[in-house]
Protein backbone atom coordinates (compact mmCIF):
# COMPACT_ATOMS: atom_id res chain seq x y z
CA MET A 1 65.53 186.16 250.93
CA LYS A 2 66.18 189.91 250.98
CA ARG A 3 64.44 192.13 253.50
CA LYS A 4 62.76 195.13 252.10
CA LYS A 5 63.95 198.40 253.66
CA VAL A 6 61.16 200.28 255.36
CA SER A 7 61.53 204.02 255.41
CA LYS A 8 61.27 205.59 258.84
CA THR A 9 60.66 209.04 257.38
CA PRO A 10 56.81 208.91 257.53
CA LEU A 11 56.94 207.88 261.19
CA PHE A 12 59.42 210.65 261.96
CA ILE A 13 57.23 213.24 260.21
CA PHE A 14 54.17 211.97 262.07
CA ILE A 15 55.93 212.31 265.44
CA ILE A 16 57.10 215.85 264.58
CA LEU A 17 53.54 216.82 263.56
CA VAL A 18 52.09 215.43 266.79
CA LEU A 19 54.67 217.31 268.89
CA PHE A 20 54.03 220.50 266.93
CA SER A 21 50.27 220.20 267.52
CA PHE A 22 50.83 219.81 271.29
CA ILE A 23 53.07 222.87 271.30
CA SER A 24 50.46 224.83 269.33
CA LEU A 25 47.74 223.79 271.78
CA ALA A 26 49.93 224.89 274.69
CA VAL A 27 50.40 228.33 273.14
CA ILE A 28 46.66 228.64 272.50
CA ASN A 29 45.97 227.76 276.15
CA ILE A 30 48.46 230.37 277.33
CA ILE A 31 46.79 233.24 275.52
CA ASP A 32 43.16 232.10 275.75
CA ILE A 33 41.27 235.02 277.28
CA THR A 34 37.68 233.84 276.82
CA ASN A 35 37.19 233.43 280.58
CA TYR A 36 38.68 236.83 281.44
CA VAL A 37 37.64 240.46 281.57
CA VAL A 38 39.90 243.45 281.05
CA ALA A 39 40.55 245.46 284.19
CA ASP A 40 39.66 249.09 283.69
CA VAL A 41 39.78 250.10 287.35
CA ILE A 42 43.12 250.20 289.13
CA ARG A 43 43.50 252.17 292.32
CA VAL A 44 45.84 252.12 295.27
CA SER A 45 44.88 253.36 298.71
CA GLU A 46 47.64 252.99 301.28
CA ASN A 47 48.36 249.20 301.17
CA THR A 48 45.12 248.30 299.41
CA ILE A 49 44.95 247.48 295.71
CA ILE A 50 41.61 247.79 293.93
CA VAL A 51 41.51 246.16 290.51
CA GLY A 52 38.42 245.35 288.53
CA THR A 53 36.02 246.29 285.80
CA ASN A 54 33.01 248.60 285.79
CA CYS A 55 31.67 248.55 289.36
CA THR A 56 33.12 245.21 290.51
CA ALA A 57 36.65 244.88 291.82
CA ILE A 58 38.98 242.69 293.79
CA ILE A 59 40.17 244.51 296.89
CA ALA A 60 43.38 243.10 298.35
CA GLU A 61 46.09 244.10 300.77
CA THR A 62 49.75 244.12 299.81
CA SER A 63 53.02 245.35 301.25
CA PRO A 64 53.67 249.10 301.45
CA GLU A 65 56.56 248.73 298.97
CA ARG A 66 54.44 246.99 296.35
CA ALA A 67 51.56 249.43 296.79
CA GLN A 68 53.97 252.33 296.34
CA SER A 69 55.53 250.66 293.30
CA ILE A 70 52.13 250.24 291.64
CA GLU A 71 51.26 253.85 292.41
CA THR A 72 54.53 255.26 291.04
CA GLY A 73 54.19 253.02 287.99
CA MET A 74 50.68 254.35 287.34
CA ARG A 75 52.06 257.89 287.49
CA GLY A 76 55.01 257.03 285.24
CA ILE A 77 57.49 258.04 287.91
CA ILE A 78 60.91 256.50 288.28
CA GLU A 79 62.36 257.60 291.58
CA GLU A 80 65.94 258.71 292.07
CA ARG A 81 67.03 255.06 292.07
CA PRO A 82 64.99 252.49 290.13
CA ASN A 83 63.14 249.87 292.15
CA THR A 84 62.94 246.17 291.31
CA HIS A 85 59.95 246.60 288.97
CA ASP A 86 61.69 249.40 287.06
CA THR A 87 64.79 247.23 286.74
CA PHE A 88 62.76 244.23 285.56
CA VAL A 89 61.09 246.35 282.85
CA ALA A 90 64.53 247.61 281.75
CA VAL A 91 65.76 244.00 281.49
CA LEU A 92 62.72 243.01 279.41
CA LYS A 93 63.34 245.93 277.04
CA SER A 94 67.06 245.21 276.72
CA PHE A 95 66.30 241.65 275.59
CA ASN A 96 63.34 242.67 273.37
CA ILE A 97 60.87 240.79 275.54
CA THR A 98 57.34 242.16 275.65
CA LEU A 99 54.95 241.85 278.57
CA ASP A 100 51.80 241.14 276.54
CA SER A 101 49.46 240.96 279.50
CA ILE A 102 48.93 239.69 282.99
CA GLN A 103 46.22 237.30 284.11
CA ILE A 104 44.89 237.41 287.66
CA GLU A 105 43.81 233.80 288.02
CA SER A 106 42.53 232.61 291.36
CA PHE A 107 42.30 232.95 295.13
CA ASN A 108 42.89 230.03 297.49
CA GLY A 109 41.50 231.76 300.57
CA GLU A 110 44.87 233.18 301.54
CA TYR A 111 46.75 234.16 298.36
CA TYR A 112 45.86 235.37 294.89
CA SER A 113 47.72 233.93 291.93
CA SER A 114 48.55 235.49 288.60
CA ASN A 115 50.70 235.05 285.52
CA LEU A 116 52.84 237.21 283.30
CA ILE A 117 52.38 236.53 279.59
CA LEU A 118 55.74 237.31 277.98
CA ARG A 119 56.58 237.31 274.27
CA TYR A 120 60.01 237.02 272.72
CA GLY A 121 59.73 236.90 268.95
CA ASP A 122 57.37 234.01 268.24
CA LYS A 123 57.85 232.43 271.69
CA ILE A 124 55.29 232.94 274.45
CA SER A 125 55.90 232.18 278.11
CA LYS A 126 53.45 232.11 280.99
CA ILE A 127 55.19 232.81 284.30
CA ASP A 128 53.65 232.56 287.77
CA THR A 129 54.00 235.72 289.87
CA LYS A 130 52.35 237.64 292.68
CA PRO A 131 49.47 239.80 291.39
CA SER A 132 50.90 242.93 293.00
CA ASP A 133 54.20 242.41 291.16
CA ALA A 134 52.34 241.65 287.93
CA ILE A 135 50.24 244.82 288.27
CA ALA A 136 53.35 246.91 289.04
CA LEU A 137 54.92 245.63 285.81
CA ALA A 138 51.74 245.99 283.74
CA VAL A 139 51.22 249.64 284.66
CA ARG A 140 54.84 250.39 283.67
CA THR A 141 54.50 248.68 280.28
CA ASN A 142 50.88 249.61 279.49
CA SER A 143 50.07 245.90 279.30
CA THR A 144 46.53 244.58 279.54
CA ILE A 145 45.41 243.30 282.93
CA TYR A 146 42.97 240.39 282.70
CA ILE A 147 40.92 239.07 285.60
CA ASN A 148 39.38 235.63 285.61
CA LYS A 149 35.58 236.11 285.36
CA THR A 150 34.83 233.41 287.92
CA LEU A 151 37.31 234.91 290.38
CA LEU A 152 35.74 238.35 289.97
CA GLN A 153 32.27 236.88 290.55
CA GLU A 154 33.40 234.95 293.64
CA VAL A 155 35.51 237.56 295.47
CA GLY A 156 34.68 240.81 293.70
CA LYS A 157 33.06 243.67 295.64
CA ILE A 158 30.72 246.34 294.34
CA ILE A 159 32.72 249.59 294.37
CA CYS A 160 30.23 252.12 292.94
């Protein structure tokens, strides 16, 4: 009795389609901004960063170096020697990587967390970083700064 050969092609195609759908869902989750607001207020006062929207903002302390880097980035100034944020932006440009946006995500009572959303061709990466570093990069690249709505409601202060 001869065994009939069963093609494995349909199974292979099914597995590829399932993997592709998971990858697509991951990309959608990376760039989902439905729970975010765009920051339209960014100010630096000494070591204090104020970032928010309308009259509500997150007010947080950072190091003097990061505060200065955000401030010089907002002014479009590159000092005599580039700092780390200037260098990072130069590296992104040299590899044709775009900083699409940053997302300020959460606060655990001690630290804020945020992500860089980077694009290289059709690839998108979400990279964890300190919000002050993310803001310093965003102001240099004119990238959108998103703040999690829940975070803004929980820790935001009225500023006007």
